[in-house]
Amino acid sequence: MSKIRSILDQQYPHFDHEKYPTVYEKAAMLWYFLTKNHCFVDGNKRVGFYAASILLKINGYSDNVDDDEAYAKAIQISCSQLTGKALDTYILELSHWLKERFPK
């Protein structure tokens, strides 16, 4: 449970400051870190994608994601080795990917 708490705490690295202000950035952050931090014995890529998807759906966004495309993106996330600014850039790029596939 501490890994999940750590992922959620990424949203507020400083008091009263959201690192990921848009719902798409929040979804991208969840997908990335749930996939990479291996919170579960199995299914981390699925859990990451579904957490992002559910967050967007409960906020009124539609799901237009092709399963094969989502799988390919999940594999890309799991193979990534990013830190610092490169990671921040990737989260932003992933949020744009989600925005294209989850319209309002």
PDB file of N, CA and C in Angstrom:
ATOM      1  N   MET A   1       0.816  -1.192   0.000  1.00  0.00           N
ATOM      2  CA  MET A   1       0.000   0.000   0.000  1.00  0.00           C
ATOM      3  C   MET A   1       0.865   1.264   0.000  1.00  0.00           C
ATOM      4  N   SER A   2       2.074   1.179   0.538  1.00  0.00           N
ATOM      5  CA  SER A   2       2.932   2.363   0.588  1.00  0.00           C
ATOM      6  C   SER A   2       3.366   2.805  -0.810  1.00  0.00           C
ATOM      7  N   LYS A   3       3.495   1.865  -1.758  1.00  0.00           N
ATOM      8  CA  LYS A   3       3.843   2.246  -3.127  1.00  0.00           C
ATOM      9  C   LYS A   3       2.713   3.049  -3.761  1.00  0.00           C
ATOM     10  N   ILE A   4       1.487   2.644  -3.508  1.00  0.00           N
ATOM     11  CA  ILE A   4       0.335   3.380  -4.047  1.00  0.00           C
ATOM     12  C   ILE A   4       0.266   4.762  -3.422  1.00  0.00           C
ATOM     13  N   ARG A   5       0.471   4.847  -2.128  1.00  0.00           N
ATOM     14  CA  ARG A   5       0.462   6.147  -1.437  1.00  0.00           C
ATOM     15  C   ARG A   5       1.552   7.051  -2.011  1.00  0.00           C
ATOM     16  N   SER A   6       2.707   6.488  -2.267  1.00  0.00           N
ATOM     17  CA  SER A   6       3.810   7.247  -2.849  1.00  0.00           C
ATOM     18  C   SER A   6       3.438   7.795  -4.228  1.00  0.00           C
ATOM     19  N   ILE A   7       2.751   6.981  -5.024  1.00  0.00           N
ATOM     20  CA  ILE A   7       2.305   7.428  -6.347  1.00  0.00           C
ATOM     21  C   ILE A   7       1.341   8.596  -6.213  1.00  0.00           C
ATOM     22  N   LEU A   8       0.382   8.475  -5.324  1.00  0.00           N
ATOM     23  CA  LEU A   8      -0.606   9.544  -5.140  1.00  0.00           C
ATOM     24  C   LEU A   8       0.038  10.809  -4.597  1.00  0.00           C
ATOM     25  N   ASP A   9       1.064  10.659  -3.767  1.00  0.00           N
ATOM     26  CA  ASP A   9       1.757  11.827  -3.206  1.00  0.00           C
ATOM     27  C   ASP A   9       2.557  12.592  -4.253  1.00  0.00           C
ATOM     28  N   GLN A  10       2.838  11.982  -5.400  1.00  0.00           N
ATOM     29  CA  GLN A  10       3.574  12.663  -6.475  1.00  0.00           C
ATOM     30  C   GLN A  10       2.818  13.912  -6.946  1.00  0.00           C
ATOM     31  N   GLN A  11       1.512  13.900  -6.767  1.00  0.00           N
ATOM     32  CA  GLN A  11       0.675  15.011  -7.214  1.00  0.00           C
ATOM     33  C   GLN A  11       1.008  16.308  -6.476  1.00  0.00           C
ATOM     34  N   TYR A  12       1.450  16.207  -5.225  1.00  0.00           N
ATOM     35  CA  TYR A  12       1.724  17.393  -4.409  1.00  0.00           C
ATOM     36  C   TYR A  12       3.155  17.368  -3.879  1.00  0.00           C
ATOM     37  N   PRO A  13       4.158  17.656  -4.734  1.00  0.00           N
ATOM     38  CA  PRO A  13       5.541  17.637  -4.254  1.00  0.00           C
ATOM     39  C   PRO A  13       5.843  18.788  -3.294  1.00  0.00           C
ATOM     40  N   HIS A  14       5.061  19.844  -3.364  1.00  0.00           N
ATOM     41  CA  HIS A  14       5.194  20.998  -2.475  1.00  0.00           C
ATOM     42  C   HIS A  14       3.814  21.312  -1.926  1.00  0.00           C
ATOM     43  N   PHE A  15       3.758  21.870  -0.750  1.00  0.00           N
ATOM     44  CA  PHE A  15       2.487  22.199  -0.117  1.00  0.00           C
ATOM     45  C   PHE A  15       1.639  23.068  -1.034  1.00  0.00           C
ATOM     46  N   ASP A  16       0.396  22.659  -1.238  1.00  0.00           N
ATOM     47  CA  ASP A  16      -0.594  23.429  -1.990  1.00  0.00           C
ATOM     48  C   ASP A  16      -0.173  23.714  -3.436  1.00  0.00           C
ATOM     49  N   HIS A  17       0.558  22.788  -4.053  1.00  0.00           N
ATOM     50  CA  HIS A  17       0.977  22.941  -5.445  1.00  0.00           C
ATOM     51  C   HIS A  17       0.763  21.616  -6.168  1.00  0.00           C
ATOM     52  N   GLU A  18      -0.113  21.628  -7.170  1.00  0.00           N
ATOM     53  CA  GLU A  18      -0.359  20.423  -7.961  1.00  0.00           C
ATOM     54  C   GLU A  18       0.699  20.306  -9.050  1.00  0.00           C
ATOM     55  N   LYS A  19       1.408  19.200  -9.064  1.00  0.00           N
ATOM     56  CA  LYS A  19       2.398  18.979 -10.119  1.00  0.00           C
ATOM     57  C   LYS A  19       1.716  18.672 -11.445  1.00  0.00           C
ATOM     58  N   TYR A  20       0.584  17.997 -11.389  1.00  0.00           N
ATOM     59  CA  TYR A  20      -0.161  17.603 -12.588  1.00  0.00           C
ATOM     60  C   TYR A  20      -1.547  18.239 -12.521  1.00  0.00           C
ATOM     61  N   PRO A  21      -1.707  19.457 -13.054  1.00  0.00           N
ATOM     62  CA  PRO A  21      -2.950  20.208 -12.845  1.00  0.00           C
ATOM     63  C   PRO A  21      -4.160  19.737 -13.652  1.00  0.00           C
ATOM     64  N   THR A  22      -3.957  19.171 -14.837  1.00  0.00           N
ATOM     65  CA  THR A  22      -5.119  18.776 -15.640  1.00  0.00           C
ATOM     66  C   THR A  22      -5.494  17.326 -15.354  1.00  0.00           C
ATOM     67  N   VAL A  23      -6.733  16.985 -15.644  1.00  0.00           N
ATOM     68  CA  VAL A  23      -7.176  15.605 -15.429  1.00  0.00           C
ATOM     69  C   VAL A  23      -6.398  14.643 -16.335  1.00  0.00           C
ATOM     70  N   TYR A  24      -6.014  15.098 -17.524  1.00  0.00           N
ATOM     71  CA  TYR A  24      -5.223  14.254 -18.421  1.00  0.00           C
ATOM     72  C   TYR A  24      -3.828  13.997 -17.847  1.00  0.00           C
ATOM     73  N   GLU A  25      -3.225  15.020 -17.254  1.00  0.00           N
ATOM     74  CA  GLU A  25      -1.909  14.843 -16.636  1.00  0.00           C
ATOM     75  C   GLU A  25      -2.000  13.924 -15.418  1.00  0.00           C
ATOM     76  N   LYS A  26      -3.063  14.066 -14.643  1.00  0.00           N
ATOM     77  CA  LYS A  26      -3.270  13.176 -13.492  1.00  0.00           C
ATOM     78  C   LYS A  26      -3.418  11.729 -13.961  1.00  0.00           C
ATOM     79  N   ALA A  27      -4.193  11.531 -15.023  1.00  0.00           N
ATOM     80  CA  ALA A  27      -4.392  10.183 -15.567  1.00  0.00           C
ATOM     81  C   ALA A  27      -3.077   9.619 -16.103  1.00  0.00           C
ATOM     82  N   ALA A  28      -2.312  10.447 -16.797  1.00  0.00           N
ATOM     83  CA  ALA A  28      -1.018  10.007 -17.332  1.00  0.00           C
ATOM     84  C   ALA A  28      -0.067   9.630 -16.203  1.00  0.00           C
ATOM     85  N   MET A  29      -0.049  10.432 -15.153  1.00  0.00           N
ATOM     86  CA  MET A  29       0.801  10.150 -14.000  1.00  0.00           C
ATOM     87  C   MET A  29       0.407   8.827 -13.352  1.00  0.00           C
ATOM     88  N   LEU A  30      -0.888   8.610 -13.165  1.00  0.00           N
ATOM     89  CA  LEU A  30      -1.350   7.346 -12.588  1.00  0.00           C
ATOM     90  C   LEU A  30      -0.928   6.160 -13.452  1.00  0.00           C
ATOM     91  N   TRP A  31      -1.180   6.264 -14.747  1.00  0.00           N
ATOM     92  CA  TRP A  31      -0.835   5.165 -15.652  1.00  0.00           C
ATOM     93  C   TRP A  31       0.662   4.867 -15.589  1.00  0.00           C
ATOM     94  N   TYR A  32       1.470   5.912 -15.694  1.00  0.00           N
ATOM     95  CA  TYR A  32       2.914   5.726 -15.712  1.00  0.00           C
ATOM     96  C   TYR A  32       3.412   5.084 -14.414  1.00  0.00           C
ATOM     97  N   PHE A  33       3.068   5.682 -13.285  1.00  0.00           N
ATOM     98  CA  PHE A  33       3.648   5.215 -12.022  1.00  0.00           C
ATOM     99  C   PHE A  33       3.039   3.902 -11.527  1.00  0.00           C
ATOM    100  N   LEU A  34       1.775   3.650 -11.796  1.00  0.00           N
ATOM    101  CA  LEU A  34       1.218   2.346 -11.436  1.00  0.00           C
ATOM    102  C   LEU A  34       1.861   1.236 -12.272  1.00  0.00           C
ATOM    103  N   THR A  35       2.198   1.553 -13.501  1.00  0.00           N
ATOM    104  CA  THR A  35       2.888   0.585 -14.351  1.00  0.00           C
ATOM    105  C   THR A  35       4.332   0.379 -13.898  1.00  0.00           C
ATOM    106  N   LYS A  36       5.037   1.449 -13.632  1.00  0.00           N
ATOM    107  CA  LYS A  36       6.470   1.373 -13.348  1.00  0.00           C
ATOM    108  C   LYS A  36       6.815   0.950 -11.921  1.00  0.00           C
ATOM    109  N   ASN A  37       5.978   1.291 -10.949  1.00  0.00           N
ATOM    110  CA  ASN A  37       6.339   1.043  -9.544  1.00  0.00           C
ATOM    111  C   ASN A  37       6.015  -0.368  -9.064  1.00  0.00           C
ATOM    112  N   HIS A  38       5.425  -1.177  -9.913  1.00  0.00           N
ATOM    113  CA  HIS A  38       5.154  -2.585  -9.586  1.00  0.00           C
ATOM    114  C   HIS A  38       4.513  -2.747  -8.210  1.00  0.00           C
ATOM    115  N   CYS A  39       3.356  -2.140  -8.055  1.00  0.00           N
ATOM    116  CA  CYS A  39       2.603  -2.228  -6.795  1.00  0.00           C
ATOM    117  C   CYS A  39       2.008  -3.616  -6.591  1.00  0.00           C
ATOM    118  N   PHE A  40       1.835  -4.351  -7.661  1.00  0.00           N
ATOM    119  CA  PHE A  40       1.160  -5.647  -7.608  1.00  0.00           C
ATOM    120  C   PHE A  40       2.066  -6.735  -8.188  1.00  0.00           C
ATOM    121  N   VAL A  41       1.805  -7.962  -7.829  1.00  0.00           N
ATOM    122  CA  VAL A  41       2.588  -9.090  -8.328  1.00  0.00           C
ATOM    123  C   VAL A  41       2.417  -9.228  -9.838  1.00  0.00           C
ATOM    124  N   ASP A  42       1.215  -8.974 -10.325  1.00  0.00           N
ATOM    125  CA  ASP A  42       0.911  -9.121 -11.744  1.00  0.00           C
ATOM    126  C   ASP A  42      -0.129  -8.076 -12.124  1.00  0.00           C
ATOM    127  N   GLY A  43      -0.156  -7.705 -13.389  1.00  0.00           N
ATOM    128  CA  GLY A  43      -1.207  -6.826 -13.885  1.00  0.00           C
ATOM    129  C   GLY A  43      -0.938  -5.343 -13.736  1.00  0.00           C
ATOM    130  N   ASN A  44       0.300  -4.940 -13.516  1.00  0.00           N
ATOM    131  CA  ASN A  44       0.605  -3.529 -13.302  1.00  0.00           C
ATOM    132  C   ASN A  44       0.273  -2.657 -14.513  1.00  0.00           C
ATOM    133  N   LYS A  45       0.543  -3.156 -15.715  1.00  0.00           N
ATOM    134  CA  LYS A  45       0.217  -2.382 -16.919  1.00  0.00           C
ATOM    135  C   LYS A  45      -1.293  -2.221 -17.062  1.00  0.00           C
ATOM    136  N   ARG A  46      -2.032  -3.301 -16.802  1.00  0.00           N
ATOM    137  CA  ARG A  46      -3.504  -3.232 -16.885  1.00  0.00           C
ATOM    138  C   ARG A  46      -4.059  -2.282 -15.831  1.00  0.00           C
ATOM    139  N   VAL A  47      -3.597  -2.428 -14.608  1.00  0.00           N
ATOM    140  CA  VAL A  47      -4.081  -1.564 -13.522  1.00  0.00           C
ATOM    141  C   VAL A  47      -3.774  -0.108 -13.839  1.00  0.00           C
ATOM    142  N   GLY A  48      -2.580   0.169 -14.335  1.00  0.00           N
ATOM    143  CA  GLY A  48      -2.214   1.541 -14.686  1.00  0.00           C
ATOM    144  C   GLY A  48      -3.137   2.129 -15.734  1.00  0.00           C
ATOM    145  N   PHE A  49      -3.358   1.359 -16.808  1.00  0.00           N
ATOM    146  CA  PHE A  49      -4.240   1.858 -17.864  1.00  0.00           C
ATOM    147  C   PHE A  49      -5.667   2.034 -17.359  1.00  0.00           C
ATOM    148  N   TYR A  50      -6.180   1.040 -16.649  1.00  0.00           N
ATOM    149  CA  TYR A  50      -7.563   1.130 -16.178  1.00  0.00           C
ATOM    150  C   TYR A  50      -7.751   2.242 -15.155  1.00  0.00           C
ATOM    151  N   ALA A  51      -6.767   2.494 -14.321  1.00  0.00           N
ATOM    152  CA  ALA A  51      -6.866   3.609 -13.367  1.00  0.00           C
ATOM    153  C   ALA A  51      -6.970   4.933 -14.117  1.00  0.00           C
ATOM    154  N   ALA A  52      -6.138   5.103 -15.144  1.00  0.00           N
ATOM    155  CA  ALA A  52      -6.195   6.321 -15.955  1.00  0.00           C
ATOM    156  C   ALA A  52      -7.542   6.425 -16.667  1.00  0.00           C
ATOM    157  N   SER A  53      -7.980   5.321 -17.248  1.00  0.00           N
ATOM    158  CA  SER A  53      -9.244   5.285 -17.978  1.00  0.00           C
ATOM    159  C   SER A  53     -10.430   5.609 -17.067  1.00  0.00           C
ATOM    160  N   ILE A  54     -10.460   5.007 -15.902  1.00  0.00           N
ATOM    161  CA  ILE A  54     -11.566   5.247 -14.959  1.00  0.00           C
ATOM    162  C   ILE A  54     -11.564   6.690 -14.484  1.00  0.00           C
ATOM    163  N   LEU A  55     -10.389   7.237 -14.185  1.00  0.00           N
ATOM    164  CA  LEU A  55     -10.315   8.643 -13.767  1.00  0.00           C
ATOM    165  C   LEU A  55     -10.919   9.546 -14.838  1.00  0.00           C
ATOM    166  N   LEU A  56     -10.579   9.300 -16.084  1.00  0.00           N
ATOM    167  CA  LEU A  56     -11.117  10.126 -17.166  1.00  0.00           C
ATOM    168  C   LEU A  56     -12.615   9.904 -17.352  1.00  0.00           C
ATOM    169  N   LYS A  57     -13.060   8.667 -17.283  1.00  0.00           N
ATOM    170  CA  LYS A  57     -14.486   8.381 -17.472  1.00  0.00           C
ATOM    171  C   LYS A  57     -15.352   8.990 -16.370  1.00  0.00           C
ATOM    172  N   ILE A  58     -14.910   8.932 -15.118  1.00  0.00           N
ATOM    173  CA  ILE A  58     -15.727   9.519 -14.043  1.00  0.00           C
ATOM    174  C   ILE A  58     -15.740  11.036 -14.109  1.00  0.00           C
ATOM    175  N   ASN A  59     -14.825  11.607 -14.899  1.00  0.00           N
ATOM    176  CA  ASN A  59     -14.814  13.047 -15.112  1.00  0.00           C
ATOM    177  C   ASN A  59     -15.481  13.436 -16.426  1.00  0.00           C
ATOM    178  N   GLY A  60     -16.211  12.492 -17.035  1.00  0.00           N
ATOM    179  CA  GLY A  60     -17.033  12.808 -18.192  1.00  0.00           C
ATOM    180  C   GLY A  60     -16.384  12.645 -19.549  1.00  0.00           C
ATOM    181  N   TYR A  61     -15.261  11.960 -19.623  1.00  0.00           N
ATOM    182  CA  TYR A  61     -14.577  11.776 -20.898  1.00  0.00           C
ATOM    183  C   TYR A  61     -14.944  10.422 -21.501  1.00  0.00           C
ATOM    184  N   SER A  62     -15.028  10.385 -22.834  1.00  0.00           N
ATOM    185  CA  SER A  62     -15.372   9.155 -23.556  1.00  0.00           C
ATOM    186  C   SER A  62     -14.108   8.362 -23.861  1.00  0.00           C
ATOM    187  N   ASP A  63     -14.279   7.069 -24.039  1.00  0.00           N
ATOM    188  CA  ASP A  63     -13.160   6.175 -24.324  1.00  0.00           C
ATOM    189  C   ASP A  63     -13.173   5.797 -25.794  1.00  0.00           C
ATOM    190  N   ASN A  64     -12.196   6.289 -26.544  1.00  0.00           N
ATOM    191  CA  ASN A  64     -12.046   5.932 -27.956  1.00  0.00           C
ATOM    192  C   ASN A  64     -10.696   5.272 -28.194  1.00  0.00           C
ATOM    193  N   VAL A  65     -10.258   4.438 -27.266  1.00  0.00           N
ATOM    194  CA  VAL A  65      -8.936   3.825 -27.346  1.00  0.00           C
ATOM    195  C   VAL A  65      -9.032   2.435 -27.959  1.00  0.00           C
ATOM    196  N   ASP A  66      -8.207   2.194 -28.941  1.00  0.00           N
ATOM    197  CA  ASP A  66      -8.070   0.868 -29.530  1.00  0.00           C
ATOM    198  C   ASP A  66      -7.250   0.003 -28.565  1.00  0.00           C
ATOM    199  N   ASP A  67      -7.714  -1.213 -28.302  1.00  0.00           N
ATOM    200  CA  ASP A  67      -7.032  -2.095 -27.347  1.00  0.00           C
ATOM    201  C   ASP A  67      -5.572  -2.347 -27.712  1.00  0.00           C
ATOM    202  N   ASP A  68      -5.300  -2.587 -28.982  1.00  0.00           N
ATOM    203  CA  ASP A  68      -3.923  -2.853 -29.406  1.00  0.00           C
ATOM    204  C   ASP A  68      -3.033  -1.633 -29.209  1.00  0.00           C
ATOM    205  N   GLU A  69      -3.593  -0.464 -29.465  1.00  0.00           N
ATOM    206  CA  GLU A  69      -2.845   0.777 -29.290  1.00  0.00           C
ATOM    207  C   GLU A  69      -2.546   1.023 -27.808  1.00  0.00           C
ATOM    208  N   ALA A  70      -3.528   0.773 -26.956  1.00  0.00           N
ATOM    209  CA  ALA A  70      -3.329   0.929 -25.512  1.00  0.00           C
ATOM    210  C   ALA A  70      -2.286  -0.062 -25.006  1.00  0.00           C
ATOM    211  N   TYR A  71      -2.333  -1.287 -25.508  1.00  0.00           N
ATOM    212  CA  TYR A  71      -1.351  -2.300 -25.113  1.00  0.00           C
ATOM    213  C   TYR A  71       0.062  -1.879 -25.519  1.00  0.00           C
ATOM    214  N   ALA A  72       0.203  -1.387 -26.743  1.00  0.00           N
ATOM    215  CA  ALA A  72       1.517  -0.938 -27.222  1.00  0.00           C
ATOM    216  C   ALA A  72       2.049   0.205 -26.363  1.00  0.00           C
ATOM    217  N   LYS A  73       1.173   1.124 -25.991  1.00  0.00           N
ATOM    218  CA  LYS A  73       1.593   2.250 -25.148  1.00  0.00           C
ATOM    219  C   LYS A  73       1.978   1.748 -23.759  1.00  0.00           C
ATOM    220  N   ALA A  74       1.238   0.790 -23.221  1.00  0.00           N
ATOM    221  CA  ALA A  74       1.558   0.233 -21.902  1.00  0.00           C
ATOM    222  C   ALA A  74       2.926  -0.455 -21.920  1.00  0.00           C
ATOM    223  N   ILE A  75       3.230  -1.163 -22.996  1.00  0.00           N
ATOM    224  CA  ILE A  75       4.544  -1.801 -23.134  1.00  0.00           C
ATOM    225  C   ILE A  75       5.630  -0.732 -23.204  1.00  0.00           C
ATOM    226  N   GLN A  76       5.373   0.326 -23.955  1.00  0.00           N
ATOM    227  CA  GLN A  76       6.332   1.427 -24.060  1.00  0.00           C
ATOM    228  C   GLN A  76       6.607   2.029 -22.682  1.00  0.00           C
ATOM    229  N   ILE A  77       5.554   2.235 -21.906  1.00  0.00           N
ATOM    230  CA  ILE A  77       5.718   2.778 -20.558  1.00  0.00           C
ATOM    231  C   ILE A  77       6.562   1.829 -19.715  1.00  0.00           C
ATOM    232  N   SER A  78       6.232   0.554 -19.746  1.00  0.00           N
ATOM    233  CA  SER A  78       6.928  -0.407 -18.884  1.00  0.00           C
ATOM    234  C   SER A  78       8.409  -0.539 -19.238  1.00  0.00           C
ATOM    235  N   CYS A  79       8.771  -0.286 -20.478  1.00  0.00           N
ATOM    236  CA  CYS A  79      10.170  -0.389 -20.909  1.00  0.00           C
ATOM    237  C   CYS A  79      10.949   0.914 -20.741  1.00  0.00           C
ATOM    238  N   SER A  80      10.275   1.998 -20.410  1.00  0.00           N
ATOM    239  CA  SER A  80      10.940   3.297 -20.317  1.00  0.00           C
ATOM    240  C   SER A  80      11.849   3.359 -19.090  1.00  0.00           C
ATOM    241  N   GLN A  81      12.876   4.181 -19.197  1.00  0.00           N
ATOM    242  CA  GLN A  81      13.849   4.398 -18.120  1.00  0.00           C
ATOM    243  C   GLN A  81      14.066   5.903 -17.982  1.00  0.00           C
ATOM    244  N   LEU A  82      13.076   6.612 -17.469  1.00  0.00           N
ATOM    245  CA  LEU A  82      13.120   8.070 -17.450  1.00  0.00           C
ATOM    246  C   LEU A  82      13.233   8.613 -16.032  1.00  0.00           C
ATOM    247  N   THR A  83      13.890   9.758 -15.915  1.00  0.00           N
ATOM    248  CA  THR A  83      13.970  10.475 -14.641  1.00  0.00           C
ATOM    249  C   THR A  83      13.958  11.973 -14.925  1.00  0.00           C
ATOM    250  N   GLY A  84      13.745  12.750 -13.883  1.00  0.00           N
ATOM    251  CA  GLY A  84      13.849  14.205 -13.970  1.00  0.00           C
ATOM    252  C   GLY A  84      12.985  14.831 -15.039  1.00  0.00           C
ATOM    253  N   LYS A  85      13.598  15.750 -15.787  1.00  0.00           N
ATOM    254  CA  LYS A  85      12.878  16.506 -16.822  1.00  0.00           C
ATOM    255  C   LYS A  85      12.359  15.590 -17.929  1.00  0.00           C
ATOM    256  N   ALA A  86      13.111  14.558 -18.267  1.00  0.00           N
ATOM    257  CA  ALA A  86      12.660  13.626 -19.310  1.00  0.00           C
ATOM    258  C   ALA A  86      11.374  12.929 -18.881  1.00  0.00           C
ATOM    259  N   LEU A  87      11.273  12.589 -17.609  1.00  0.00           N
ATOM    260  CA  LEU A  87      10.055  11.962 -17.093  1.00  0.00           C
ATOM    261  C   LEU A  87       8.894  12.946 -17.126  1.00  0.00           C
ATOM    262  N   ASP A  88       9.136  14.181 -16.698  1.00  0.00           N
ATOM    263  CA  ASP A  88       8.085  15.206 -16.737  1.00  0.00           C
ATOM    264  C   ASP A  88       7.585  15.414 -18.164  1.00  0.00           C
ATOM    265  N   THR A  89       8.506  15.455 -19.111  1.00  0.00           N
ATOM    266  CA  THR A  89       8.138  15.617 -20.522  1.00  0.00           C
ATOM    267  C   THR A  89       7.320  14.426 -21.005  1.00  0.00           C
ATOM    268  N   TYR A  90       7.716  13.230 -20.608  1.00  0.00           N
ATOM    269  CA  TYR A  90       6.994  12.028 -21.026  1.00  0.00           C
ATOM    270  C   TYR A  90       5.573  12.010 -20.463  1.00  0.00           C
ATOM    271  N   ILE A  91       5.415  12.390 -19.195  1.00  0.00           N
ATOM    272  CA  ILE A  91       4.073  12.451 -18.588  1.00  0.00           C
ATOM    273  C   ILE A  91       3.207  13.433 -19.374  1.00  0.00           C
ATOM    274  N   LEU A  92       3.770  14.568 -19.750  1.00  0.00           N
ATOM    275  CA  LEU A  92       3.024  15.553 -20.537  1.00  0.00           C
ATOM    276  C   LEU A  92       2.653  14.980 -21.907  1.00  0.00           C
ATOM    277  N   GLU A  93       3.589  14.299 -22.558  1.00  0.00           N
ATOM    278  CA  GLU A  93       3.301  13.673 -23.858  1.00  0.00           C
ATOM    279  C   GLU A  93       2.229  12.589 -23.718  1.00  0.00           C
ATOM    280  N   LEU A  94       2.307  11.814 -22.654  1.00  0.00           N
ATOM    281  CA  LEU A  94       1.304  10.781 -22.410  1.00  0.00           C
ATOM    282  C   LEU A  94      -0.068  11.408 -22.161  1.00  0.00           C
ATOM    283  N   SER A  95      -0.095  12.555 -21.498  1.00  0.00           N
ATOM    284  CA  SER A  95      -1.376  13.242 -21.268  1.00  0.00           C
ATOM    285  C   SER A  95      -1.989  13.698 -22.591  1.00  0.00           C
ATOM    286  N   HIS A  96      -1.150  14.123 -23.538  1.00  0.00           N
ATOM    287  CA  HIS A  96      -1.653  14.505 -24.868  1.00  0.00           C
ATOM    288  C   HIS A  96      -2.177  13.274 -25.615  1.00  0.00           C
ATOM    289  N   TRP A  97      -1.491  12.161 -25.475  1.00  0.00           N
ATOM    290  CA  TRP A  97      -1.942  10.900 -26.079  1.00  0.00           C
ATOM    291  C   TRP A  97      -3.323  10.541 -25.542  1.00  0.00           C
ATOM    292  N   LEU A  98      -3.499  10.660 -24.233  1.00  0.00           N
ATOM    293  CA  LEU A  98      -4.799  10.367 -23.619  1.00  0.00           C
ATOM    294  C   LEU A  98      -5.872  11.350 -24.090  1.00  0.00           C
ATOM    295  N   LYS A  99      -5.501  12.613 -24.200  1.00  0.00           N
ATOM    296  CA  LYS A  99      -6.474  13.640 -24.616  1.00  0.00           C
ATOM    297  C   LYS A  99      -7.023  13.348 -26.010  1.00  0.00           C
ATOM    298  N   GLU A 100      -6.175  12.837 -26.888  1.00  0.00           N
ATOM    299  CA  GLU A 100      -6.619  12.492 -28.244  1.00  0.00           C
ATOM    300  C   GLU A 100      -7.593  11.311 -28.243  1.00  0.00           C
ATOM    301  N   ARG A 101      -7.498  10.468 -27.234  1.00  0.00           N
ATOM    302  CA  ARG A 101      -8.284   9.236 -27.214  1.00  0.00           C
ATOM    303  C   ARG A 101      -9.434   9.235 -26.211  1.00  0.00           C
ATOM    304  N   PHE A 102      -9.496  10.265 -25.389  1.00  0.00           N
ATOM    305  CA  PHE A 102     -10.584  10.407 -24.411  1.00  0.00           C
ATOM    306  C   PHE A 102     -11.180  11.810 -24.541  1.00  0.00           C
ATOM    307  N   PRO A 103     -11.974  12.033 -25.586  1.00  0.00           N
ATOM    308  CA  PRO A 103     -12.572  13.364 -25.754  1.00  0.00           C
ATOM    309  C   PRO A 103     -13.678  13.619 -24.729  1.00  0.00           C
ATOM    310  N   LYS A 104     -13.975  14.867 -24.512  1.00  0.00           N
ATOM    311  CA  LYS A 104     -15.049  15.262 -23.589  1.00  0.00           C
ATOM    312  C   LYS A 104     -16.376  14.990 -24.235  1.00  0.00           C
TER     313      LYS A 104
END
